[in-house]
Amino acid sequence: MRRFLQSTLLLASAAGVVGQFSCAQTTSSAREEDKSSEAVRRLNTEEAQAFLQKDAKAMARLWPDDFVVTNPLNKFVNKQQVLGW
């Protein structure tokens, strides 16, 4: 009976450690996701401000080289074409 109790206690302790580790990982992942979300919001705000201020240098820095959009005439235009406007 004593051996059974020791085994049960050991198993319960191990489960508690695994549960705490799992919870810590979830919290860490949530923090990383929050940081990523904040970065996206910040970059989105920077892009909007650069556009409103007609700051081509800032937009060139924020947009990737393979940036492509569809213009009002439904034609694809690349980063250089947009920056040229």
PDB file of N, CA and C in Angstrom:
ATOM      1  N   MET A   1       0.830  -1.184   0.000  1.00  0.00           N
ATOM      2  CA  MET A   1       0.000   0.000   0.000  1.00  0.00           C
ATOM      3  C   MET A   1       0.881   1.257   0.000  1.00  0.00           C
ATOM      4  N   ARG A   2       1.966   1.210   0.777  1.00  0.00           N
ATOM      5  CA  ARG A   2       2.854   2.366   0.858  1.00  0.00           C
ATOM      6  C   ARG A   2       3.483   2.648  -0.508  1.00  0.00           C
ATOM      7  N   ARG A   3       3.875   1.585  -1.186  1.00  0.00           N
ATOM      8  CA  ARG A   3       4.470   1.723  -2.510  1.00  0.00           C
ATOM      9  C   ARG A   3       3.462   2.335  -3.489  1.00  0.00           C
ATOM     10  N   PHE A   4       2.227   1.943  -3.385  1.00  0.00           N
ATOM     11  CA  PHE A   4       1.177   2.476  -4.237  1.00  0.00           C
ATOM     12  C   PHE A   4       1.015   3.979  -4.003  1.00  0.00           C
ATOM     13  N   LEU A   5       1.004   4.397  -2.733  1.00  0.00           N
ATOM     14  CA  LEU A   5       0.879   5.817  -2.400  1.00  0.00           C
ATOM     15  C   LEU A   5       2.081   6.604  -2.923  1.00  0.00           C
ATOM     16  N   GLN A   6       3.287   6.045  -2.792  1.00  0.00           N
ATOM     17  CA  GLN A   6       4.479   6.724  -3.286  1.00  0.00           C
ATOM     18  C   GLN A   6       4.407   6.893  -4.808  1.00  0.00           C
ATOM     19  N   SER A   7       3.986   5.845  -5.477  1.00  0.00           N
ATOM     20  CA  SER A   7       3.853   5.902  -6.934  1.00  0.00           C
ATOM     21  C   SER A   7       2.816   6.930  -7.346  1.00  0.00           C
ATOM     22  N   THR A   8       1.713   6.958  -6.624  1.00  0.00           N
ATOM     23  CA  THR A   8       0.646   7.904  -6.931  1.00  0.00           C
ATOM     24  C   THR A   8       1.117   9.331  -6.705  1.00  0.00           C
ATOM     25  N   LEU A   9       1.828   9.560  -5.590  1.00  0.00           N
ATOM     26  CA  LEU A   9       2.354  10.894  -5.309  1.00  0.00           C
ATOM     27  C   LEU A   9       3.367  11.314  -6.366  1.00  0.00           C
ATOM     28  N   LEU A  10       4.239  10.408  -6.751  1.00  0.00           N
ATOM     29  CA  LEU A  10       5.244  10.706  -7.775  1.00  0.00           C
ATOM     30  C   LEU A  10       4.570  11.046  -9.101  1.00  0.00           C
ATOM     31  N   LEU A  11       3.572  10.283  -9.464  1.00  0.00           N
ATOM     32  CA  LEU A  11       2.844  10.525 -10.705  1.00  0.00           C
ATOM     33  C   LEU A  11       2.111  11.864 -10.652  1.00  0.00           C
ATOM     34  N   ALA A  12       1.490  12.161  -9.521  1.00  0.00           N
ATOM     35  CA  ALA A  12       0.786  13.437  -9.371  1.00  0.00           C
ATOM     36  C   ALA A  12       1.759  14.609  -9.439  1.00  0.00           C
ATOM     37  N   SER A  13       2.926  14.464  -8.833  1.00  0.00           N
ATOM     38  CA  SER A  13       3.941  15.518  -8.888  1.00  0.00           C
ATOM     39  C   SER A  13       4.408  15.735 -10.316  1.00  0.00           C
ATOM     40  N   ALA A  14       4.659  14.652 -11.023  1.00  0.00           N
ATOM     41  CA  ALA A  14       5.104  14.760 -12.415  1.00  0.00           C
ATOM     42  C   ALA A  14       4.029  15.435 -13.262  1.00  0.00           C
ATOM     43  N   ALA A  15       2.790  15.090 -13.029  1.00  0.00           N
ATOM     44  CA  ALA A  15       1.698  15.706 -13.788  1.00  0.00           C
ATOM     45  C   ALA A  15       1.629  17.199 -13.494  1.00  0.00           C
ATOM     46  N   GLY A  16       1.866  17.579 -12.251  1.00  0.00           N
ATOM     47  CA  GLY A  16       1.865  18.994 -11.891  1.00  0.00           C
ATOM     48  C   GLY A  16       2.978  19.750 -12.587  1.00  0.00           C
ATOM     49  N   VAL A  17       4.149  19.153 -12.661  1.00  0.00           N
ATOM     50  CA  VAL A  17       5.283  19.795 -13.340  1.00  0.00           C
ATOM     51  C   VAL A  17       4.987  19.938 -14.817  1.00  0.00           C
ATOM     52  N   VAL A  18       4.468  18.893 -15.437  1.00  0.00           N
ATOM     53  CA  VAL A  18       4.133  18.956 -16.856  1.00  0.00           C
ATOM     54  C   VAL A  18       3.054  20.009 -17.084  1.00  0.00           C
ATOM     55  N   GLY A  19       2.064  20.067 -16.210  1.00  0.00           N
ATOM     56  CA  GLY A  19       1.001  21.059 -16.336  1.00  0.00           C
ATOM     57  C   GLY A  19       1.545  22.470 -16.223  1.00  0.00           C
ATOM     58  N   GLN A  20       2.470  22.685 -15.282  1.00  0.00           N
ATOM     59  CA  GLN A  20       3.063  24.012 -15.127  1.00  0.00           C
ATOM     60  C   GLN A  20       3.901  24.358 -16.349  1.00  0.00           C
ATOM     61  N   PHE A  21       4.660  23.402 -16.873  1.00  0.00           N
ATOM     62  CA  PHE A  21       5.486  23.631 -18.057  1.00  0.00           C
ATOM     63  C   PHE A  21       4.598  23.973 -19.248  1.00  0.00           C
ATOM     64  N   SER A  22       3.523  23.234 -19.407  1.00  0.00           N
ATOM     65  CA  SER A  22       2.601  23.473 -20.509  1.00  0.00           C
ATOM     66  C   SER A  22       1.977  24.860 -20.382  1.00  0.00           C
ATOM     67  N   CYS A  23       1.595  25.235 -19.185  1.00  0.00           N
ATOM     68  CA  CYS A  23       1.009  26.544 -18.950  1.00  0.00           C
ATOM     69  C   CYS A  23       2.027  27.639 -19.227  1.00  0.00           C
ATOM     70  N   ALA A  24       3.282  27.422 -18.831  1.00  0.00           N
ATOM     71  CA  ALA A  24       4.331  28.407 -19.078  1.00  0.00           C
ATOM     72  C   ALA A  24       4.567  28.574 -20.571  1.00  0.00           C
ATOM     73  N   GLN A  25       4.520  27.468 -21.316  1.00  0.00           N
ATOM     74  CA  GLN A  25       4.701  27.559 -22.760  1.00  0.00           C
ATOM     75  C   GLN A  25       3.562  28.339 -23.392  1.00  0.00           C
ATOM     76  N   THR A  26       2.358  28.102 -22.952  1.00  0.00           N
ATOM     77  CA  THR A  26       1.204  28.810 -23.490  1.00  0.00           C
ATOM     78  C   THR A  26       1.327  30.301 -23.199  1.00  0.00           C
ATOM     79  N   THR A  27       1.728  30.639 -21.988  1.00  0.00           N
ATOM     80  CA  THR A  27       1.898  32.043 -21.620  1.00  0.00           C
ATOM     81  C   THR A  27       2.988  32.675 -22.460  1.00  0.00           C
ATOM     82  N   SER A  28       4.088  31.953 -22.656  1.00  0.00           N
ATOM     83  CA  SER A  28       5.189  32.458 -23.473  1.00  0.00           C
ATOM     84  C   SER A  28       4.729  32.668 -24.912  1.00  0.00           C
ATOM     85  N   SER A  29       3.979  31.718 -25.452  1.00  0.00           N
ATOM     86  CA  SER A  29       3.461  31.843 -26.818  1.00  0.00           C
ATOM     87  C   SER A  29       2.516  33.029 -26.927  1.00  0.00           C
ATOM     88  N   ALA A  30       1.699  33.229 -25.912  1.00  0.00           N
ATOM     89  CA  ALA A  30       0.759  34.353 -25.922  1.00  0.00           C
ATOM     90  C   ALA A  30       1.528  35.672 -25.907  1.00  0.00           C
ATOM     91  N   ARG A  31       2.616  35.731 -25.121  1.00  0.00           N
ATOM     92  CA  ARG A  31       3.422  36.954 -25.089  1.00  0.00           C
ATOM     93  C   ARG A  31       4.063  37.212 -26.441  1.00  0.00           C
ATOM     94  N   GLU A  32       4.587  36.160 -27.061  1.00  0.00           N
ATOM     95  CA  GLU A  32       5.195  36.318 -28.387  1.00  0.00           C
ATOM     96  C   GLU A  32       4.156  36.780 -29.404  1.00  0.00           C
ATOM     97  N   GLU A  33       2.957  36.225 -29.312  1.00  0.00           N
ATOM     98  CA  GLU A  33       1.882  36.623 -30.228  1.00  0.00           C
ATOM     99  C   GLU A  33       1.509  38.085 -29.997  1.00  0.00           C
ATOM    100  N   ASP A  34       1.464  38.510 -28.730  1.00  0.00           N
ATOM    101  CA  ASP A  34       1.175  39.911 -28.421  1.00  0.00           C
ATOM    102  C   ASP A  34       2.239  40.825 -29.004  1.00  0.00           C
ATOM    103  N   LYS A  35       3.516  40.420 -28.886  1.00  0.00           N
ATOM    104  CA  LYS A  35       4.601  41.227 -29.441  1.00  0.00           C
ATOM    105  C   LYS A  35       4.481  41.310 -30.958  1.00  0.00           C
ATOM    106  N   SER A  36       4.142  40.195 -31.586  1.00  0.00           N
ATOM    107  CA  SER A  36       3.970  40.189 -33.042  1.00  0.00           C
ATOM    108  C   SER A  36       2.809  41.086 -33.452  1.00  0.00           C
ATOM    109  N   SER A  37       1.716  41.008 -32.714  1.00  0.00           N
ATOM    110  CA  SER A  37       0.555  41.844 -33.018  1.00  0.00           C
ATOM    111  C   SER A  37       0.896  43.320 -32.864  1.00  0.00           C
ATOM    112  N   GLU A  38       1.637  43.638 -31.811  1.00  0.00           N
ATOM    113  CA  GLU A  38       2.047  45.028 -31.603  1.00  0.00           C
ATOM    114  C   GLU A  38       2.930  45.507 -32.750  1.00  0.00           C
ATOM    115  N   ALA A  39       3.838  44.650 -33.198  1.00  0.00           N
ATOM    116  CA  ALA A  39       4.742  45.021 -34.296  1.00  0.00           C
ATOM    117  C   ALA A  39       3.952  45.273 -35.576  1.00  0.00           C
ATOM    118  N   VAL A  40       2.971  44.429 -35.860  1.00  0.00           N
ATOM    119  CA  VAL A  40       2.153  44.598 -37.058  1.00  0.00           C
ATOM    120  C   VAL A  40       1.366  45.901 -36.976  1.00  0.00           C
ATOM    121  N   ARG A  41       0.783  46.178 -35.809  1.00  0.00           N
ATOM    122  CA  ARG A  41       0.033  47.433 -35.641  1.00  0.00           C
ATOM    123  C   ARG A  41       0.941  48.645 -35.833  1.00  0.00           C
ATOM    124  N   ARG A  42       2.146  48.580 -35.255  1.00  0.00           N
ATOM    125  CA  ARG A  42       3.089  49.694 -35.371  1.00  0.00           C
ATOM    126  C   ARG A  42       3.479  49.915 -36.820  1.00  0.00           C
ATOM    127  N   LEU A  43       3.805  48.834 -37.529  1.00  0.00           N
ATOM    128  CA  LEU A  43       4.185  48.954 -38.937  1.00  0.00           C
ATOM    129  C   LEU A  43       3.022  49.450 -39.788  1.00  0.00           C
ATOM    130  N   ASN A  44       1.821  49.004 -39.477  1.00  0.00           N
ATOM    131  CA  ASN A  44       0.641  49.457 -40.207  1.00  0.00           C
ATOM    132  C   ASN A  44       0.452  50.964 -40.026  1.00  0.00           C
ATOM    133  N   THR A  45       0.630  51.436 -38.805  1.00  0.00           N
ATOM    134  CA  THR A  45       0.511  52.875 -38.527  1.00  0.00           C
ATOM    135  C   THR A  45       1.606  53.650 -39.251  1.00  0.00           C
ATOM    136  N   GLU A  46       2.842  53.113 -39.225  1.00  0.00           N
ATOM    137  CA  GLU A  46       3.952  53.771 -39.930  1.00  0.00           C
ATOM    138  C   GLU A  46       3.663  53.882 -41.423  1.00  0.00           C
ATOM    139  N   GLU A  47       3.116  52.811 -42.007  1.00  0.00           N
ATOM    140  CA  GLU A  47       2.816  52.817 -43.434  1.00  0.00           C
ATOM    141  C   GLU A  47       1.745  53.868 -43.752  1.00  0.00           C
ATOM    142  N   ALA A  48       0.694  53.912 -42.949  1.00  0.00           N
ATOM    143  CA  ALA A  48      -0.378  54.890 -43.181  1.00  0.00           C
ATOM    144  C   ALA A  48       0.164  56.315 -43.070  1.00  0.00           C
ATOM    145  N   GLN A  49       0.979  56.571 -42.065  1.00  0.00           N
ATOM    146  CA  GLN A  49       1.557  57.906 -41.888  1.00  0.00           C
ATOM    147  C   GLN A  49       2.473  58.262 -43.063  1.00  0.00           C
ATOM    148  N   ALA A  50       3.296  57.301 -43.487  1.00  0.00           N
ATOM    149  CA  ALA A  50       4.192  57.546 -44.627  1.00  0.00           C
ATOM    150  C   ALA A  50       3.386  57.866 -45.879  1.00  0.00           C
ATOM    151  N   PHE A  51       2.294  57.137 -46.096  1.00  0.00           N
ATOM    152  CA  PHE A  51       1.449  57.376 -47.256  1.00  0.00           C
ATOM    153  C   PHE A  51       0.812  58.762 -47.190  1.00  0.00           C
ATOM    154  N   LEU A  52       0.259  59.102 -46.038  1.00  0.00           N
ATOM    155  CA  LEU A  52      -0.398  60.400 -45.879  1.00  0.00           C
ATOM    156  C   LEU A  52       0.577  61.561 -46.018  1.00  0.00           C
ATOM    157  N   GLN A  53       1.811  61.341 -45.598  1.00  0.00           N
ATOM    158  CA  GLN A  53       2.831  62.397 -45.684  1.00  0.00           C
ATOM    159  C   GLN A  53       3.619  62.328 -46.994  1.00  0.00           C
ATOM    160  N   LYS A  54       3.226  61.398 -47.864  1.00  0.00           N
ATOM    161  CA  LYS A  54       3.899  61.210 -49.159  1.00  0.00           C
ATOM    162  C   LYS A  54       5.401  61.014 -48.979  1.00  0.00           C
ATOM    163  N   ASP A  55       5.742  60.172 -47.979  1.00  0.00           N
ATOM    164  CA  ASP A  55       7.134  59.887 -47.638  1.00  0.00           C
ATOM    165  C   ASP A  55       7.573  58.609 -48.372  1.00  0.00           C
ATOM    166  N   ALA A  56       8.088  58.784 -49.585  1.00  0.00           N
ATOM    167  CA  ALA A  56       8.472  57.643 -50.420  1.00  0.00           C
ATOM    168  C   ALA A  56       9.608  56.841 -49.793  1.00  0.00           C
ATOM    169  N   LYS A  57      10.515  57.498 -49.097  1.00  0.00           N
ATOM    170  CA  LYS A  57      11.632  56.774 -48.465  1.00  0.00           C
ATOM    171  C   LYS A  57      11.123  55.823 -47.384  1.00  0.00           C
ATOM    172  N   ALA A  58      10.177  56.283 -46.580  1.00  0.00           N
ATOM    173  CA  ALA A  58       9.624  55.424 -45.530  1.00  0.00           C
ATOM    174  C   ALA A  58       8.854  54.256 -46.136  1.00  0.00           C
ATOM    175  N   MET A  59       8.071  54.538 -47.181  1.00  0.00           N
ATOM    176  CA  MET A  59       7.320  53.455 -47.828  1.00  0.00           C
ATOM    177  C   MET A  59       8.276  52.449 -48.463  1.00  0.00           C
ATOM    178  N   ALA A  60       9.356  52.932 -49.070  1.00  0.00           N
ATOM    179  CA  ALA A  60      10.339  52.026 -49.675  1.00  0.00           C
ATOM    180  C   ALA A  60      10.968  51.141 -48.609  1.00  0.00           C
ATOM    181  N   ARG A  61      11.168  51.687 -47.424  1.00  0.00           N
ATOM    182  CA  ARG A  61      11.749  50.913 -46.318  1.00  0.00           C
ATOM    183  C   ARG A  61      10.745  49.880 -45.793  1.00  0.00           C
ATOM    184  N   LEU A  62       9.480  50.238 -45.746  1.00  0.00           N
ATOM    185  CA  LEU A  62       8.454  49.363 -45.172  1.00  0.00           C
ATOM    186  C   LEU A  62       7.997  48.262 -46.133  1.00  0.00           C
ATOM    187  N   TRP A  63       8.002  48.551 -47.425  1.00  0.00           N
ATOM    188  CA  TRP A  63       7.509  47.578 -48.394  1.00  0.00           C
ATOM    189  C   TRP A  63       8.623  46.654 -48.853  1.00  0.00           C
ATOM    190  N   PRO A  64       8.327  45.369 -49.063  1.00  0.00           N
ATOM    191  CA  PRO A  64       9.343  44.452 -49.590  1.00  0.00           C
ATOM    192  C   PRO A  64       9.595  44.744 -51.073  1.00  0.00           C
ATOM    193  N   ASP A  65      10.721  44.277 -51.579  1.00  0.00           N
ATOM    194  CA  ASP A  65      11.067  44.533 -52.979  1.00  0.00           C
ATOM    195  C   ASP A  65      10.079  43.889 -53.957  1.00  0.00           C
ATOM    196  N   ASP A  66       9.431  42.803 -53.548  1.00  0.00           N
ATOM    197  CA  ASP A  66       8.477  42.133 -54.436  1.00  0.00           C
ATOM    198  C   ASP A  66       7.033  42.609 -54.199  1.00  0.00           C
ATOM    199  N   PHE A  67       6.889  43.780 -53.608  1.00  0.00           N
ATOM    200  CA  PHE A  67       5.584  44.394 -53.336  1.00  0.00           C
ATOM    201  C   PHE A  67       4.811  44.598 -54.639  1.00  0.00           C
ATOM    202  N   VAL A  68       3.557  44.164 -54.662  1.00  0.00           N
ATOM    203  CA  VAL A  68       2.689  44.321 -55.831  1.00  0.00           C
ATOM    204  C   VAL A  68       1.282  44.661 -55.334  1.00  0.00           C
ATOM    205  N   VAL A  69       0.647  45.603 -56.007  1.00  0.00           N
ATOM    206  CA  VAL A  69      -0.742  45.935 -55.692  1.00  0.00           C
ATOM    207  C   VAL A  69      -1.530  46.018 -56.992  1.00  0.00           C
ATOM    208  N   THR A  70      -2.835  46.079 -56.864  1.00  0.00           N
ATOM    209  CA  THR A  70      -3.689  46.278 -58.024  1.00  0.00           C
ATOM    210  C   THR A  70      -4.137  47.726 -58.015  1.00  0.00           C
ATOM    211  N   ASN A  71      -3.918  48.430 -59.130  1.00  0.00           N
ATOM    212  CA  ASN A  71      -4.300  49.847 -59.192  1.00  0.00           C
ATOM    213  C   ASN A  71      -5.789  49.975 -59.531  1.00  0.00           C
ATOM    214  N   PRO A  72      -6.324  51.186 -59.548  1.00  0.00           N
ATOM    215  CA  PRO A  72      -7.759  51.371 -59.832  1.00  0.00           C
ATOM    216  C   PRO A  72      -8.182  50.867 -61.215  1.00  0.00           C
ATOM    217  N   LEU A  73      -7.225  50.717 -62.147  1.00  0.00           N
ATOM    218  CA  LEU A  73      -7.551  50.186 -63.471  1.00  0.00           C
ATOM    219  C   LEU A  73      -7.445  48.663 -63.514  1.00  0.00           C
ATOM    220  N   ASN A  74      -7.327  48.063 -62.339  1.00  0.00           N
ATOM    221  CA  ASN A  74      -7.240  46.614 -62.180  1.00  0.00           C
ATOM    222  C   ASN A  74      -5.985  46.035 -62.842  1.00  0.00           C
ATOM    223  N   LYS A  75      -4.912  46.777 -62.781  1.00  0.00           N
ATOM    224  CA  LYS A  75      -3.613  46.336 -63.317  1.00  0.00           C
ATOM    225  C   LYS A  75      -2.644  46.175 -62.152  1.00  0.00           C
ATOM    226  N   PHE A  76      -1.781  45.159 -62.249  1.00  0.00           N
ATOM    227  CA  PHE A  76      -0.752  44.980 -61.232  1.00  0.00           C
ATOM    228  C   PHE A  76       0.345  46.023 -61.422  1.00  0.00           C
ATOM    229  N   VAL A  77       0.764  46.621 -60.317  1.00  0.00           N
ATOM    230  CA  VAL A  77       1.896  47.547 -60.339  1.00  0.00           C
ATOM    231  C   VAL A  77       2.852  47.145 -59.227  1.00  0.00           C
ATOM    232  N   ASN A  78       4.156  47.352 -59.471  1.00  0.00           N
ATOM    233  CA  ASN A  78       5.148  46.934 -58.488  1.00  0.00           C
ATOM    234  C   ASN A  78       5.571  48.108 -57.599  1.00  0.00           C
ATOM    235  N   LYS A  79       6.465  47.821 -56.702  1.00  0.00           N
ATOM    236  CA  LYS A  79       6.931  48.808 -55.725  1.00  0.00           C
ATOM    237  C   LYS A  79       7.471  50.060 -56.403  1.00  0.00           C
ATOM    238  N   GLN A  80       8.330  49.892 -57.387  1.00  0.00           N
ATOM    239  CA  GLN A  80       8.939  51.059 -58.050  1.00  0.00           C
ATOM    240  C   GLN A  80       7.901  51.919 -58.750  1.00  0.00           C
ATOM    241  N   GLN A  81       6.905  51.279 -59.365  1.00  0.00           N
ATOM    242  CA  GLN A  81       5.855  52.048 -60.034  1.00  0.00           C
ATOM    243  C   GLN A  81       5.036  52.860 -59.026  1.00  0.00           C
ATOM    244  N   VAL A  82       4.703  52.242 -57.902  1.00  0.00           N
ATOM    245  CA  VAL A  82       3.921  52.952 -56.882  1.00  0.00           C
ATOM    246  C   VAL A  82       4.731  54.093 -56.299  1.00  0.00           C
ATOM    247  N   LEU A  83       5.990  53.844 -56.002  1.00  0.00           N
ATOM    248  CA  LEU A  83       6.832  54.897 -55.442  1.00  0.00           C
ATOM    249  C   LEU A  83       7.049  56.037 -56.437  1.00  0.00           C
ATOM    250  N   GLY A  84       7.015  55.721 -57.737  1.00  0.00           N
ATOM    251  CA  GLY A  84       7.173  56.733 -58.771  1.00  0.00           C
ATOM    252  C   GLY A  84       5.990  57.684 -58.856  1.00  0.00           C
ATOM    253  N   TRP A  85       4.854  57.271 -58.382  1.00  0.00           N
ATOM    254  CA  TRP A  85       3.681  58.129 -58.424  1.00  0.00           C
ATOM    255  C   TRP A  85       3.798  59.188 -57.372  1.00  0.00           C
TER     256      TRP A  85
END
